[in-house]
Amino acid sequence: MSAEERPTPMGESPYSSHVNLACCVSCHRALDLPSQHLRALDREIAAVSGYRLLGARVVYYGLCPECQKRNGR
């Protein structure tokens, strides 16, 4: 079985999706960030590299609005 076909514990391929998250470094809340810009970047990377992309993960780290309020920022 190839890595592309190998299921994860959740039953899906580990490479089957593109995940874009903003994660709070204080409370660890994660927010999914769908983005047309990142989809365009995927197409550019595939075109430049010649790879058939199977998935990607982009994670931004910072403080969520609630933690900013609690920390007075």
Protein backbone atom coordinates (compact mmCIF):
# COMPACT_ATOMS: atom_id res chain seq x y z
CA MET A 1 0.00 0.00 0.00
CA SER A 2 1.43 3.39 -0.96
CA ALA A 3 1.63 6.32 1.46
CA GLU A 4 -1.13 7.98 -0.57
CA GLU A 5 -3.43 5.00 0.02
CA ARG A 6 -2.47 4.31 3.64
CA PRO A 7 -5.33 5.44 5.91
CA THR A 8 -4.87 7.45 9.07
CA PRO A 9 -6.61 6.50 12.33
CA MET A 10 -9.48 8.71 11.14
CA GLY A 11 -9.75 6.59 7.98
CA GLU A 12 -8.45 9.10 5.44
CA SER A 13 -5.18 9.45 3.59
CA PRO A 14 -2.65 11.56 5.53
CA TYR A 15 -2.13 13.56 2.33
CA SER A 16 -5.73 13.93 1.20
CA SER A 17 -6.33 17.49 2.27
CA HIS A 18 -4.90 20.95 2.47
CA VAL A 19 -5.01 22.32 6.00
CA ASN A 20 -4.54 26.01 6.78
CA LEU A 21 -4.77 26.92 10.45
CA ALA A 22 -4.30 29.84 12.80
CA CYS A 23 -3.31 28.50 16.23
CA CYS A 24 -3.31 30.46 19.47
CA VAL A 25 -0.10 29.96 21.44
CA SER A 26 -1.90 30.80 24.68
CA CYS A 27 -5.18 28.80 24.71
CA HIS A 28 -4.26 26.48 21.79
CA ARG A 29 -7.48 27.25 19.91
CA ALA A 30 -7.19 26.45 16.19
CA LEU A 31 -9.14 28.16 13.43
CA ASP A 32 -9.45 26.75 9.92
CA LEU A 33 -8.49 29.37 7.32
CA PRO A 34 -9.80 28.57 3.84
CA SER A 35 -7.92 30.72 1.36
CA GLN A 36 -8.03 31.14 -2.40
CA HIS A 37 -4.49 32.56 -2.19
CA LEU A 38 -3.13 29.36 -0.68
CA ARG A 39 -4.94 27.29 -3.34
CA ALA A 40 -3.24 29.46 -5.96
CA LEU A 41 0.09 28.85 -4.22
CA ASP A 42 -0.58 25.08 -4.36
CA ARG A 43 -1.08 25.34 -8.13
CA GLU A 44 2.09 27.41 -8.50
CA ILE A 45 4.17 24.95 -6.43
CA ALA A 46 2.84 22.03 -8.47
CA ALA A 47 3.60 23.78 -11.76
CA VAL A 48 7.12 24.84 -10.74
CA SER A 49 8.09 21.56 -9.09
CA GLY A 50 6.34 19.11 -11.37
CA TYR A 51 4.96 17.37 -8.27
CA ARG A 52 1.40 16.10 -8.07
CA LEU A 53 0.62 17.54 -4.65
CA LEU A 54 -1.19 15.21 -2.27
CA GLY A 55 -1.71 17.67 0.56
CA ALA A 56 -0.29 20.58 2.47
CA ARG A 57 -0.37 22.07 5.93
CA VAL A 58 0.15 25.76 6.70
CA VAL A 59 0.02 26.83 10.34
CA TYR A 60 0.14 30.43 11.56
CA TYR A 61 0.88 31.03 15.26
CA GLY A 62 -0.26 33.99 17.31
CA LEU A 63 -2.73 35.15 19.96
CA CYS A 64 -6.48 34.79 19.32
CA PRO A 65 -8.73 37.82 19.90
CA GLU A 66 -9.93 36.48 23.28
CA CYS A 67 -6.39 35.95 24.59
CA GLN A 68 -5.37 39.39 23.32
CA LYS A 69 -8.21 40.90 25.37
CA ARG A 70 -7.25 38.87 28.45
CA ASN A 71 -3.61 39.94 28.09
CA GLY A 72 -4.49 43.59 27.43
CA ARG A 73 -3.01 43.61 23.90
